Every structure is written in structure tokens, then in C-alpha cells.
Amino acid sequence: MKKHVLVVDDDTAILDAISQTLEEKGYKVTGFSRGHLFLQFLESNGADLIILDMFLRGMDGREITKLIKKDKNKKNIPVLMISAQSGEVGSIAESGVDAFLPKPFDTLELLQEVERLAV
């Protein structure tokens, strides 16, 4: 059965690149460019992994992660945060993410983290 990965990034080029890379490796991918649409989807759907940009238009990925990790039905879904702001590592860790990749990242790096987290 294919692992289901949710990808959330308001940069559609990055969203498309990650989605295509994962789909080529056999993952089922659902992508979102808006945080509120992602949260609505997550409310009634599960996932094996969430790849989440730290800064979304109007929303902060760290706050979204805190919401996910407080939800007893969603807290075990691993969250891989991505961001060009690698200087924010302290606040990223405090949000409860399971892993962090600084942008730009290597495709191999991304795949290794996805394979490690989407168990």
C-alpha cells in the first residue's frame, strides 16, 4: 500500500517539485499551497507524513505543527518542516516537528528523510 504524504508549501514550484519526486518513488501525494485548506483536509483524512513549509501566507508552520501534535488523533503523524530560515532551528524544534530540512535541499536528502519518517 502506498504511503500517503501531505505536502504544504505556498511556493508552487517547490510544491510541484516535491510532489513529483515523491510520486516517482511510489508515494501517494496530496499537495496544498494554502495552510487552511491543508488543515481542513487533515481534519477528516489521515496521512503517513506531512512535509510542511515554515512560512505560509497568513500561517506559521510552527503553529500548525503545534495544533497537529496537540490533537490525539493526529499527533503521531510525523512532520518534516522545510524552510529557508535555518536560523530558526530553536523555535522549529519547540513546535514538535520530527525533522527539519533547510531549503534548498538535495532530492536525495529529502527522500532519505521521507523514507525514515513515513514508516
PDB file of N, CA and C in Angstrom:
ATOM      1  N   MET A   1       0.837  -1.186   0.000  1.00  0.00           N
ATOM      2  CA  MET A   1       0.000   0.000   0.000  1.00  0.00           C
ATOM      3  C   MET A   1       0.879   1.246   0.000  1.00  0.00           C
ATOM      4  N   LYS A   2       0.528   2.200  -0.826  1.00  0.00           N
ATOM      5  CA  LYS A   2       1.317   3.427  -0.934  1.00  0.00           C
ATOM      6  C   LYS A   2       1.206   4.269   0.329  1.00  0.00           C
ATOM      7  N   LYS A   3       2.324   4.824   0.748  1.00  0.00           N
ATOM      8  CA  LYS A   3       2.330   5.766   1.862  1.00  0.00           C
ATOM      9  C   LYS A   3       1.783   7.095   1.358  1.00  0.00           C
ATOM     10  N   HIS A   4       0.951   7.736   2.178  1.00  0.00           N
ATOM     11  CA  HIS A   4       0.317   8.997   1.798  1.00  0.00           C
ATOM     12  C   HIS A   4       1.053  10.165   2.463  1.00  0.00           C
ATOM     13  N   VAL A   5       1.593  11.049   1.634  1.00  0.00           N
ATOM     14  CA  VAL A   5       2.345  12.204   2.109  1.00  0.00           C
ATOM     15  C   VAL A   5       1.580  13.471   1.749  1.00  0.00           C
ATOM     16  N   LEU A   6       1.392  14.339   2.741  1.00  0.00           N
ATOM     17  CA  LEU A   6       0.785  15.644   2.508  1.00  0.00           C
ATOM     18  C   LEU A   6       1.910  16.661   2.427  1.00  0.00           C
ATOM     19  N   VAL A   7       1.922  17.463   1.374  1.00  0.00           N
ATOM     20  CA  VAL A   7       2.962  18.470   1.170  1.00  0.00           C
ATOM     21  C   VAL A   7       2.292  19.837   1.184  1.00  0.00           C
ATOM     22  N   VAL A   8       2.824  20.743   2.028  1.00  0.00           N
ATOM     23  CA  VAL A   8       2.239  22.072   2.177  1.00  0.00           C
ATOM     24  C   VAL A   8       3.331  23.113   1.966  1.00  0.00           C
ATOM     25  N   ASP A   9       3.221  23.872   0.867  1.00  0.00           N
ATOM     26  CA  ASP A   9       4.174  24.936   0.577  1.00  0.00           C
ATOM     27  C   ASP A   9       3.491  25.948  -0.336  1.00  0.00           C
ATOM     28  N   ASP A  10       3.580  27.230   0.001  1.00  0.00           N
ATOM     29  CA  ASP A  10       2.910  28.231  -0.829  1.00  0.00           C
ATOM     30  C   ASP A  10       3.709  28.602  -2.076  1.00  0.00           C
ATOM     31  N   ASP A  11       4.921  28.072  -2.201  1.00  0.00           N
ATOM     32  CA  ASP A  11       5.694  28.232  -3.431  1.00  0.00           C
ATOM     33  C   ASP A  11       5.332  27.040  -4.326  1.00  0.00           C
ATOM     34  N   THR A  12       4.524  27.297  -5.339  1.00  0.00           N
ATOM     35  CA  THR A  12       4.012  26.192  -6.158  1.00  0.00           C
ATOM     36  C   THR A  12       5.110  25.439  -6.901  1.00  0.00           C
ATOM     37  N   ALA A  13       6.215  26.103  -7.215  1.00  0.00           N
ATOM     38  CA  ALA A  13       7.324  25.399  -7.881  1.00  0.00           C
ATOM     39  C   ALA A  13       7.921  24.349  -6.947  1.00  0.00           C
ATOM     40  N   ILE A  14       8.104  24.702  -5.691  1.00  0.00           N
ATOM     41  CA  ILE A  14       8.636  23.750  -4.705  1.00  0.00           C
ATOM     42  C   ILE A  14       7.612  22.652  -4.444  1.00  0.00           C
ATOM     43  N   LEU A  15       6.361  23.037  -4.299  1.00  0.00           N
ATOM     44  CA  LEU A  15       5.289  22.068  -4.081  1.00  0.00           C
ATOM     45  C   LEU A  15       5.249  21.045  -5.209  1.00  0.00           C
ATOM     46  N   ASP A  16       5.308  21.523  -6.441  1.00  0.00           N
ATOM     47  CA  ASP A  16       5.273  20.625  -7.598  1.00  0.00           C
ATOM     48  C   ASP A  16       6.513  19.731  -7.663  1.00  0.00           C
ATOM     49  N   ALA A  17       7.677  20.289  -7.372  1.00  0.00           N
ATOM     50  CA  ALA A  17       8.925  19.512  -7.425  1.00  0.00           C
ATOM     51  C   ALA A  17       8.918  18.390  -6.384  1.00  0.00           C
ATOM     52  N   ILE A  18       8.519  18.718  -5.156  1.00  0.00           N
ATOM     53  CA  ILE A  18       8.471  17.696  -4.100  1.00  0.00           C
ATOM     54  C   ILE A  18       7.436  16.632  -4.457  1.00  0.00           C
ATOM     55  N   SER A  19       6.262  17.071  -4.899  1.00  0.00           N
ATOM     56  CA  SER A  19       5.195  16.125  -5.235  1.00  0.00           C
ATOM     57  C   SER A  19       5.634  15.172  -6.337  1.00  0.00           C
ATOM     58  N   GLN A  20       6.223  15.701  -7.377  1.00  0.00           N
ATOM     59  CA  GLN A  20       6.669  14.867  -8.496  1.00  0.00           C
ATOM     60  C   GLN A  20       7.741  13.882  -8.053  1.00  0.00           C
ATOM     61  N   THR A  21       8.703  14.356  -7.275  1.00  0.00           N
ATOM     62  CA  THR A  21       9.781  13.490  -6.786  1.00  0.00           C
ATOM     63  C   THR A  21       9.218  12.324  -5.988  1.00  0.00           C
ATOM     64  N   LEU A  22       8.288  12.614  -5.090  1.00  0.00           N
ATOM     65  CA  LEU A  22       7.724  11.558  -4.247  1.00  0.00           C
ATOM     66  C   LEU A  22       6.824  10.609  -5.039  1.00  0.00           C
ATOM     67  N   GLU A  23       6.047  11.153  -5.956  1.00  0.00           N
ATOM     68  CA  GLU A  23       5.195  10.298  -6.778  1.00  0.00           C
ATOM     69  C   GLU A  23       6.021   9.343  -7.627  1.00  0.00           C
ATOM     70  N   GLU A  24       7.151   9.810  -8.139  1.00  0.00           N
ATOM     71  CA  GLU A  24       8.040   8.948  -8.922  1.00  0.00           C
ATOM     72  C   GLU A  24       8.601   7.799  -8.085  1.00  0.00           C
ATOM     73  N   LYS A  25       8.673   8.005  -6.776  1.00  0.00           N
ATOM     74  CA  LYS A  25       9.172   6.959  -5.877  1.00  0.00           C
ATOM     75  C   LYS A  25       8.037   6.105  -5.304  1.00  0.00           C
ATOM     76  N   GLY A  26       6.822   6.319  -5.798  1.00  0.00           N
ATOM     77  CA  GLY A  26       5.720   5.454  -5.410  1.00  0.00           C
ATOM     78  C   GLY A  26       4.855   5.943  -4.259  1.00  0.00           C
ATOM     79  N   TYR A  27       5.053   7.156  -3.810  1.00  0.00           N
ATOM     80  CA  TYR A  27       4.230   7.701  -2.739  1.00  0.00           C
ATOM     81  C   TYR A  27       2.954   8.315  -3.309  1.00  0.00           C
ATOM     82  N   LYS A  28       1.887   8.246  -2.549  1.00  0.00           N
ATOM     83  CA  LYS A  28       0.668   8.983  -2.876  1.00  0.00           C
ATOM     84  C   LYS A  28       0.862  10.368  -2.259  1.00  0.00           C
ATOM     85  N   VAL A  29       0.690  11.416  -3.051  1.00  0.00           N
ATOM     86  CA  VAL A  29       0.955  12.773  -2.577  1.00  0.00           C
ATOM     87  C   VAL A  29      -0.273  13.645  -2.770  1.00  0.00           C
ATOM     88  N   THR A  30      -0.609  14.390  -1.729  1.00  0.00           N
ATOM     89  CA  THR A  30      -1.640  15.416  -1.817  1.00  0.00           C
ATOM     90  C   THR A  30      -0.975  16.726  -1.438  1.00  0.00           C
ATOM     91  N   GLY A  31      -1.032  17.689  -2.344  1.00  0.00           N
ATOM     92  CA  GLY A  31      -0.349  18.954  -2.126  1.00  0.00           C
ATOM     93  C   GLY A  31      -1.302  20.098  -1.845  1.00  0.00           C
ATOM     94  N   PHE A  32      -0.807  21.053  -1.055  1.00  0.00           N
ATOM     95  CA  PHE A  32      -1.586  22.228  -0.678  1.00  0.00           C
ATOM     96  C   PHE A  32      -0.697  23.459  -0.734  1.00  0.00           C
ATOM     97  N   SER A  33      -1.226  24.530  -1.318  1.00  0.00           N
ATOM     98  CA  SER A  33      -0.486  25.793  -1.311  1.00  0.00           C
ATOM     99  C   SER A  33      -1.032  26.753  -0.259  1.00  0.00           C
ATOM    100  N   ARG A  34      -2.093  26.355   0.421  1.00  0.00           N
ATOM    101  CA  ARG A  34      -2.711  27.169   1.466  1.00  0.00           C
ATOM    102  C   ARG A  34      -2.855  26.341   2.746  1.00  0.00           C
ATOM    103  N   GLY A  35      -2.390  26.900   3.841  1.00  0.00           N
ATOM    104  CA  GLY A  35      -2.427  26.198   5.116  1.00  0.00           C
ATOM    105  C   GLY A  35      -3.824  25.853   5.587  1.00  0.00           C
ATOM    106  N   HIS A  36      -4.779  26.760   5.397  1.00  0.00           N
ATOM    107  CA  HIS A  36      -6.131  26.490   5.883  1.00  0.00           C
ATOM    108  C   HIS A  36      -6.793  25.345   5.118  1.00  0.00           C
ATOM    109  N   LEU A  37      -6.487  25.199   3.824  1.00  0.00           N
ATOM    110  CA  LEU A  37      -7.025  24.075   3.051  1.00  0.00           C
ATOM    111  C   LEU A  37      -6.424  22.758   3.527  1.00  0.00           C
ATOM    112  N   PHE A  38      -5.140  22.793   3.836  1.00  0.00           N
ATOM    113  CA  PHE A  38      -4.462  21.617   4.386  1.00  0.00           C
ATOM    114  C   PHE A  38      -5.113  21.194   5.702  1.00  0.00           C
ATOM    115  N   LEU A  39      -5.347  22.164   6.596  1.00  0.00           N
ATOM    116  CA  LEU A  39      -5.944  21.840   7.892  1.00  0.00           C
ATOM    117  C   LEU A  39      -7.351  21.276   7.734  1.00  0.00           C
ATOM    118  N   GLN A  40      -8.118  21.808   6.797  1.00  0.00           N
ATOM    119  CA  GLN A  40      -9.459  21.272   6.538  1.00  0.00           C
ATOM    120  C   GLN A  40      -9.375  19.825   6.057  1.00  0.00           C
ATOM    121  N   PHE A  41      -8.446  19.554   5.151  1.00  0.00           N
ATOM    122  CA  PHE A  41      -8.255  18.195   4.636  1.00  0.00           C
ATOM    123  C   PHE A  41      -7.833  17.258   5.762  1.00  0.00           C
ATOM    124  N   LEU A  42      -6.886  17.697   6.567  1.00  0.00           N
ATOM    125  CA  LEU A  42      -6.342  16.857   7.630  1.00  0.00           C
ATOM    126  C   LEU A  42      -7.398  16.522   8.677  1.00  0.00           C
ATOM    127  N   GLU A  43      -8.350  17.409   8.848  1.00  0.00           N
ATOM    128  CA  GLU A  43      -9.412  17.194   9.836  1.00  0.00           C
ATOM    129  C   GLU A  43     -10.154  15.881   9.601  1.00  0.00           C
ATOM    130  N   SER A  44     -10.346  15.518   8.338  1.00  0.00           N
ATOM    131  CA  SER A  44     -11.111  14.306   8.054  1.00  0.00           C
ATOM    132  C   SER A  44     -10.320  13.230   7.317  1.00  0.00           C
ATOM    133  N   ASN A  45      -9.021  13.448   7.146  1.00  0.00           N
ATOM    134  CA  ASN A  45      -8.181  12.473   6.443  1.00  0.00           C
ATOM    135  C   ASN A  45      -6.894  12.248   7.223  1.00  0.00           C
ATOM    136  N   GLY A  46      -6.339  11.096   7.090  1.00  0.00           N
ATOM    137  CA  GLY A  46      -5.066  10.792   7.717  1.00  0.00           C
ATOM    138  C   GLY A  46      -3.915  10.989   6.747  1.00  0.00           C
ATOM    139  N   ALA A  47      -2.740  10.685   7.222  1.00  0.00           N
ATOM    140  CA  ALA A  47      -1.538  10.756   6.397  1.00  0.00           C
ATOM    141  C   ALA A  47      -0.453   9.945   7.079  1.00  0.00           C
ATOM    142  N   ASP A  48       0.536   9.543   6.286  1.00  0.00           N
ATOM    143  CA  ASP A  48       1.696   8.852   6.845  1.00  0.00           C
ATOM    144  C   ASP A  48       2.819   9.828   7.162  1.00  0.00           C
ATOM    145  N   LEU A  49       2.774  11.001   6.532  1.00  0.00           N
ATOM    146  CA  LEU A  49       3.806  12.022   6.731  1.00  0.00           C
ATOM    147  C   LEU A  49       3.274  13.360   6.236  1.00  0.00           C
ATOM    148  N   ILE A  50       3.698  14.434   6.918  1.00  0.00           N
ATOM    149  CA  ILE A  50       3.385  15.792   6.485  1.00  0.00           C
ATOM    150  C   ILE A  50       4.705  16.512   6.239  1.00  0.00           C
ATOM    151  N   ILE A  51       4.862  17.081   5.046  1.00  0.00           N
ATOM    152  CA  ILE A  51       6.001  17.950   4.739  1.00  0.00           C
ATOM    153  C   ILE A  51       5.435  19.361   4.717  1.00  0.00           C
ATOM    154  N   LEU A  52       5.945  20.206   5.608  1.00  0.00           N
ATOM    155  CA  LEU A  52       5.321  21.489   5.874  1.00  0.00           C
ATOM    156  C   LEU A  52       6.337  22.624   5.823  1.00  0.00           C
ATOM    157  N   ASP A  53       6.058  23.624   5.000  1.00  0.00           N
ATOM    158  CA  ASP A  53       6.896  24.815   4.952  1.00  0.00           C
ATOM    159  C   ASP A  53       6.674  25.618   6.233  1.00  0.00           C
ATOM    160  N   MET A  54       7.731  26.253   6.729  1.00  0.00           N
ATOM    161  CA  MET A  54       7.608  27.010   7.972  1.00  0.00           C
ATOM    162  C   MET A  54       6.784  28.277   7.789  1.00  0.00           C
ATOM    163  N   PHE A  55       6.980  28.977   6.694  1.00  0.00           N
ATOM    164  CA  PHE A  55       6.269  30.224   6.474  1.00  0.00           C
ATOM    165  C   PHE A  55       5.301  30.099   5.316  1.00  0.00           C
ATOM    166  N   LEU A  56       4.028  30.129   5.624  1.00  0.00           N
ATOM    167  CA  LEU A  56       2.963  30.092   4.628  1.00  0.00           C
ATOM    168  C   LEU A  56       2.241  31.437   4.674  1.00  0.00           C
ATOM    169  N   ARG A  57       1.642  31.831   3.584  1.00  0.00           N
ATOM    170  CA  ARG A  57       0.881  33.087   3.582  1.00  0.00           C
ATOM    171  C   ARG A  57      -0.181  33.052   4.669  1.00  0.00           C
ATOM    172  N   GLY A  58      -0.035  33.937   5.642  1.00  0.00           N
ATOM    173  CA  GLY A  58      -1.043  34.056   6.690  1.00  0.00           C
ATOM    174  C   GLY A  58      -0.986  32.999   7.772  1.00  0.00           C
ATOM    175  N   MET A  59      -0.069  32.043   7.676  1.00  0.00           N
ATOM    176  CA  MET A  59       0.017  30.992   8.689  1.00  0.00           C
ATOM    177  C   MET A  59       1.481  30.646   8.949  1.00  0.00           C
ATOM    178  N   ASP A  60       1.737  30.168  10.133  1.00  0.00           N
ATOM    179  CA  ASP A  60       3.079  29.782  10.530  1.00  0.00           C
ATOM    180  C   ASP A  60       3.105  28.265  10.704  1.00  0.00           C
ATOM    181  N   GLY A  61       4.018  27.606   9.991  1.00  0.00           N
ATOM    182  CA  GLY A  61       4.120  26.155  10.066  1.00  0.00           C
ATOM    183  C   GLY A  61       4.386  25.634  11.465  1.00  0.00           C
ATOM    184  N   ARG A  62       5.078  26.435  12.263  1.00  0.00           N
ATOM    185  CA  ARG A  62       5.338  26.013  13.649  1.00  0.00           C
ATOM    186  C   ARG A  62       4.032  25.944  14.441  1.00  0.00           C
ATOM    187  N   GLU A  63       3.149  26.907  14.227  1.00  0.00           N
ATOM    188  CA  GLU A  63       1.853  26.901  14.916  1.00  0.00           C
ATOM    189  C   GLU A  63       0.978  25.749  14.410  1.00  0.00           C
ATOM    190  N   ILE A  64       1.029  25.499  13.120  1.00  0.00           N
ATOM    191  CA  ILE A  64       0.277  24.372  12.554  1.00  0.00           C
ATOM    192  C   ILE A  64       0.770  23.064  13.168  1.00  0.00           C
ATOM    193  N   THR A  65       2.087  22.927  13.300  1.00  0.00           N
ATOM    194  CA  THR A  65       2.650  21.710  13.899  1.00  0.00           C
ATOM    195  C   THR A  65       2.178  21.546  15.332  1.00  0.00           C
ATOM    196  N   LYS A  66       2.156  22.624  16.093  1.00  0.00           N
ATOM    197  CA  LYS A  66       1.673  22.547  17.480  1.00  0.00           C
ATOM    198  C   LYS A  66       0.229  22.060  17.525  1.00  0.00           C
ATOM    199  N   LEU A  67      -0.604  22.551  16.612  1.00  0.00           N
ATOM    200  CA  LEU A  67      -2.000  22.107  16.559  1.00  0.00           C
ATOM    201  C   LEU A  67      -2.087  20.611  16.267  1.00  0.00           C
ATOM    202  N   ILE A  68      -1.288  20.154  15.322  1.00  0.00           N
ATOM    203  CA  ILE A  68      -1.287  18.734  14.953  1.00  0.00           C
ATOM    204  C   ILE A  68      -0.840  17.879  16.138  1.00  0.00           C
ATOM    205  N   LYS A  69       0.228  18.294  16.791  1.00  0.00           N
ATOM    206  CA  LYS A  69       0.795  17.494  17.881  1.00  0.00           C
ATOM    207  C   LYS A  69      -0.073  17.507  19.136  1.00  0.00           C
ATOM    208  N   LYS A  70      -0.995  18.472  19.262  1.00  0.00           N
ATOM    209  CA  LYS A  70      -1.925  18.505  20.399  1.00  0.00           C
ATOM    210  C   LYS A  70      -3.159  17.644  20.150  1.00  0.00           C
ATOM    211  N   ASP A  71      -3.397  17.283  18.903  1.00  0.00           N
ATOM    212  CA  ASP A  71      -4.573  16.507  18.532  1.00  0.00           C
ATOM    213  C   ASP A  71      -4.280  15.019  18.756  1.00  0.00           C
ATOM    214  N   LYS A  72      -5.030  14.383  19.646  1.00  0.00           N
ATOM    215  CA  LYS A  72      -4.750  12.984  19.992  1.00  0.00           C
ATOM    216  C   LYS A  72      -4.851  12.044  18.790  1.00  0.00           C
ATOM    217  N   ASN A  73      -5.652  12.409  17.786  1.00  0.00           N
ATOM    218  CA  ASN A  73      -5.798  11.568  16.603  1.00  0.00           C
ATOM    219  C   ASN A  73      -4.743  11.825  15.536  1.00  0.00           C
ATOM    220  N   LYS A  74      -4.035  12.931  15.639  1.00  0.00           N
ATOM    221  CA  LYS A  74      -3.069  13.314  14.604  1.00  0.00           C
ATOM    222  C   LYS A  74      -1.630  13.399  15.115  1.00  0.00           C
ATOM    223  N   LYS A  75      -1.439  13.384  16.413  1.00  0.00           N
ATOM    224  CA  LYS A  75      -0.120  13.667  16.998  1.00  0.00           C
ATOM    225  C   LYS A  75       0.979  12.700  16.570  1.00  0.00           C
ATOM    226  N   ASN A  76       0.610  11.504  16.130  1.00  0.00           N
ATOM    227  CA  ASN A  76       1.625  10.531  15.725  1.00  0.00           C
ATOM    228  C   ASN A  76       2.019  10.633  14.256  1.00  0.00           C
ATOM    229  N   ILE A  77       1.398  11.558  13.534  1.00  0.00           N
ATOM    230  CA  ILE A  77       1.791  11.766  12.134  1.00  0.00           C
ATOM    231  C   ILE A  77       3.100  12.553  12.142  1.00  0.00           C
ATOM    232  N   PRO A  78       4.169  12.014  11.561  1.00  0.00           N
ATOM    233  CA  PRO A  78       5.436  12.741  11.541  1.00  0.00           C
ATOM    234  C   PRO A  78       5.335  14.012  10.695  1.00  0.00           C
ATOM    235  N   VAL A  79       6.001  15.066  11.170  1.00  0.00           N
ATOM    236  CA  VAL A  79       6.042  16.336  10.454  1.00  0.00           C
ATOM    237  C   VAL A  79       7.495  16.655  10.104  1.00  0.00           C
ATOM    238  N   LEU A  80       7.748  16.807   8.808  1.00  0.00           N
ATOM    239  CA  LEU A  80       9.048  17.234   8.298  1.00  0.00           C
ATOM    240  C   LEU A  80       8.897  18.687   7.874  1.00  0.00           C
ATOM    241  N   MET A  81       9.544  19.588   8.615  1.00  0.00           N
ATOM    242  CA  MET A  81       9.449  21.006   8.285  1.00  0.00           C
ATOM    243  C   MET A  81      10.581  21.388   7.350  1.00  0.00           C
ATOM    244  N   ILE A  82      10.242  22.241   6.380  1.00  0.00           N
ATOM    245  CA  ILE A  82      11.228  22.754   5.443  1.00  0.00           C
ATOM    246  C   ILE A  82      11.191  24.281   5.505  1.00  0.00           C
ATOM    247  N   SER A  83      12.368  24.900   5.366  1.00  0.00           N
ATOM    248  CA  SER A  83      12.411  26.363   5.403  1.00  0.00           C
ATOM    249  C   SER A  83      13.767  26.862   4.947  1.00  0.00           C
ATOM    250  N   ALA A  84      13.748  28.057   4.366  1.00  0.00           N
ATOM    251  CA  ALA A  84      14.996  28.732   4.019  1.00  0.00           C
ATOM    252  C   ALA A  84      15.572  29.436   5.242  1.00  0.00           C
ATOM    253  N   GLN A  85      14.801  29.518   6.308  1.00  0.00           N
ATOM    254  CA  GLN A  85      15.216  30.196   7.534  1.00  0.00           C
ATOM    255  C   GLN A  85      15.814  29.203   8.531  1.00  0.00           C
ATOM    256  N   SER A  86      16.974  28.667   8.233  1.00  0.00           N
ATOM    257  CA  SER A  86      17.561  27.648   9.106  1.00  0.00           C
ATOM    258  C   SER A  86      18.031  28.227  10.439  1.00  0.00           C
ATOM    259  N   GLY A  87      18.084  29.543  10.551  1.00  0.00           N
ATOM    260  CA  GLY A  87      18.446  30.169  11.820  1.00  0.00           C
ATOM    261  C   GLY A  87      17.358  30.056  12.865  1.00  0.00           C
ATOM    262  N   GLU A  88      16.211  29.561  12.485  1.00  0.00           N
ATOM    263  CA  GLU A  88      15.071  29.424  13.380  1.00  0.00           C
ATOM    264  C   GLU A  88      14.985  28.029  13.998  1.00  0.00           C
ATOM    265  N   VAL A  89      16.084  27.291  13.997  1.00  0.00           N
ATOM    266  CA  VAL A  89      16.060  25.887  14.422  1.00  0.00           C
ATOM    267  C   VAL A  89      15.493  25.710  15.823  1.00  0.00           C
ATOM    268  N   GLY A  90      15.800  26.622  16.750  1.00  0.00           N
ATOM    269  CA  GLY A  90      15.280  26.505  18.116  1.00  0.00           C
ATOM    270  C   GLY A  90      13.769  26.536  18.160  1.00  0.00           C
ATOM    271  N   SER A  91      13.172  27.514  17.500  1.00  0.00           N
ATOM    272  CA  SER A  91      11.709  27.622  17.513  1.00  0.00           C
ATOM    273  C   SER A  91      11.067  26.494  16.708  1.00  0.00           C
ATOM    274  N   ILE A  92      11.784  25.988  15.728  1.00  0.00           N
ATOM    275  CA  ILE A  92      11.277  24.864  14.944  1.00  0.00           C
ATOM    276  C   ILE A  92      11.189  23.627  15.832  1.00  0.00           C
ATOM    277  N   ALA A  93      12.247  23.347  16.572  1.00  0.00           N
ATOM    278  CA  ALA A  93      12.272  22.181  17.457  1.00  0.00           C
ATOM    279  C   ALA A  93      11.183  22.287  18.529  1.00  0.00           C
ATOM    280  N   GLU A  94      10.966  23.489  19.057  1.00  0.00           N
ATOM    281  CA  GLU A  94       9.950  23.691  20.095  1.00  0.00           C
ATOM    282  C   GLU A  94       8.539  23.407  19.595  1.00  0.00           C
ATOM    283  N   SER A  95       8.336  23.503  18.305  1.00  0.00           N
ATOM    284  CA  SER A  95       6.994  23.285  17.755  1.00  0.00           C
ATOM    285  C   SER A  95       6.600  21.806  17.771  1.00  0.00           C
ATOM    286  N   GLY A  96       7.581  20.917  17.904  1.00  0.00           N
ATOM    287  CA  GLY A  96       7.290  19.486  17.950  1.00  0.00           C
ATOM    288  C   GLY A  96       7.529  18.749  16.649  1.00  0.00           C
ATOM    289  N   VAL A  97       8.182  19.398  15.677  1.00  0.00           N
ATOM    290  CA  VAL A  97       8.453  18.716  14.409  1.00  0.00           C
ATOM    291  C   VAL A  97       9.323  17.491  14.644  1.00  0.00           C
ATOM    292  N   ASP A  98       9.238  16.561  13.729  1.00  0.00           N
ATOM    293  CA  ASP A  98      10.027  15.332  13.837  1.00  0.00           C
ATOM    294  C   ASP A  98      11.353  15.434  13.102  1.00  0.00           C
ATOM    295  N   ALA A  99      11.434  16.350  12.130  1.00  0.00           N
ATOM    296  CA  ALA A  99      12.679  16.558  11.387  1.00  0.00           C
ATOM    297  C   ALA A  99      12.602  17.909  10.679  1.00  0.00           C
ATOM    298  N   PHE A 100      13.767  18.402  10.279  1.00  0.00           N
ATOM    299  CA  PHE A 100      13.858  19.692   9.597  1.00  0.00           C
ATOM    300  C   PHE A 100      14.854  19.590   8.449  1.00  0.00           C
ATOM    301  N   LEU A 101      14.487  20.160   7.308  1.00  0.00           N
ATOM    302  CA  LEU A 101      15.396  20.268   6.163  1.00  0.00           C
ATOM    303  C   LEU A 101      15.457  21.727   5.736  1.00  0.00           C
ATOM    304  N   PRO A 102      16.665  22.298   5.695  1.00  0.00           N
ATOM    305  CA  PRO A 102      16.787  23.674   5.213  1.00  0.00           C
ATOM    306  C   PRO A 102      16.689  23.717   3.686  1.00  0.00           C
ATOM    307  N   LYS A 103      16.012  24.754   3.173  1.00  0.00           N
ATOM    308  CA  LYS A 103      15.955  24.993   1.731  1.00  0.00           C
ATOM    309  C   LYS A 103      17.182  25.787   1.328  1.00  0.00           C
ATOM    310  N   PRO A 104      17.741  25.559   0.188  1.00  0.00           N
ATOM    311  CA  PRO A 104      17.398  24.484  -0.739  1.00  0.00           C
ATOM    312  C   PRO A 104      17.967  23.162  -0.239  1.00  0.00           C
ATOM    313  N   PHE A 105      17.266  22.090  -0.513  1.00  0.00           N
ATOM    314  CA  PHE A 105      17.732  20.775  -0.086  1.00  0.00           C
ATOM    315  C   PHE A 105      17.935  19.894  -1.310  1.00  0.00           C
ATOM    316  N   ASP A 106      18.759  18.900  -1.117  1.00  0.00           N
ATOM    317  CA  ASP A 106      19.062  17.925  -2.151  1.00  0.00           C
ATOM    318  C   ASP A 106      17.919  16.899  -2.207  1.00  0.00           C
ATOM    319  N   THR A 107      17.557  16.470  -3.386  1.00  0.00           N
ATOM    320  CA  THR A 107      16.483  15.497  -3.557  1.00  0.00           C
ATOM    321  C   THR A 107      16.776  14.214  -2.788  1.00  0.00           C
ATOM    322  N   LEU A 108      18.016  13.775  -2.801  1.00  0.00           N
ATOM    323  CA  LEU A 108      18.393  12.562  -2.072  1.00  0.00           C
ATOM    324  C   LEU A 108      18.163  12.744  -0.569  1.00  0.00           C
ATOM    325  N   GLU A 109      18.515  13.916  -0.053  1.00  0.00           N
ATOM    326  CA  GLU A 109      18.280  14.229   1.360  1.00  0.00           C
ATOM    327  C   GLU A 109      16.795  14.139   1.693  1.00  0.00           C
ATOM    328  N   LEU A 110      15.981  14.732   0.847  1.00  0.00           N
ATOM    329  CA  LEU A 110      14.532  14.708   1.047  1.00  0.00           C
ATOM    330  C   LEU A 110      14.024  13.270   1.069  1.00  0.00           C
ATOM    331  N   LEU A 111      14.432  12.489   0.091  1.00  0.00           N
ATOM    332  CA  LEU A 111      13.964  11.100   0.016  1.00  0.00           C
ATOM    333  C   LEU A 111      14.400  10.283   1.226  1.00  0.00           C
ATOM    334  N   GLN A 112      15.615  10.511   1.710  1.00  0.00           N
ATOM    335  CA  GLN A 112      16.091   9.790   2.893  1.00  0.00           C
ATOM    336  C   GLN A 112      15.224  10.124   4.111  1.00  0.00           C
ATOM    337  N   GLU A 113      14.895  11.405   4.279  1.00  0.00           N
ATOM    338  CA  GLU A 113      14.054  11.797   5.424  1.00  0.00           C
ATOM    339  C   GLU A 113      12.641  11.233   5.277  1.00  0.00           C
ATOM    340  N   VAL A 114      12.097  11.275   4.088  1.00  0.00           N
ATOM    341  CA  VAL A 114      10.755  10.741   3.855  1.00  0.00           C
ATOM    342  C   VAL A 114      10.734   9.242   4.156  1.00  0.00           C
ATOM    343  N   GLU A 115      11.710   8.505   3.665  1.00  0.00           N
ATOM    344  CA  GLU A 115      11.782   7.063   3.918  1.00  0.00           C
ATOM    345  C   GLU A 115      11.931   6.763   5.402  1.00  0.00           C
ATOM    346  N   ARG A 116      12.685   7.580   6.104  1.00  0.00           N
ATOM    347  CA  ARG A 116      12.913   7.378   7.535  1.00  0.00           C
ATOM    348  C   ARG A 116      11.635   7.661   8.339  1.00  0.00           C
ATOM    349  N   LEU A 117      10.901   8.702   7.944  1.00  0.00           N
ATOM    350  CA  LEU A 117       9.755   9.147   8.733  1.00  0.00           C
ATOM    351  C   LEU A 117       8.438   8.463   8.379  1.00  0.00           C
ATOM    352  N   ALA A 118       8.236   8.135   7.137  1.00  0.00           N
ATOM    353  CA  ALA A 118       6.960   7.562   6.678  1.00  0.00           C
ATOM    354  C   ALA A 118       6.968   6.049   6.849  1.00  0.00           C
ATOM    355  N   VAL A 119       6.975   5.610   8.089  1.00  0.00           N
ATOM    356  CA  VAL A 119       7.036   4.175   8.373  1.00  0.00           C
ATOM    357  C   VAL A 119       5.680   3.570   8.651  1.00  0.00           C
TER     358      VAL A 119
END
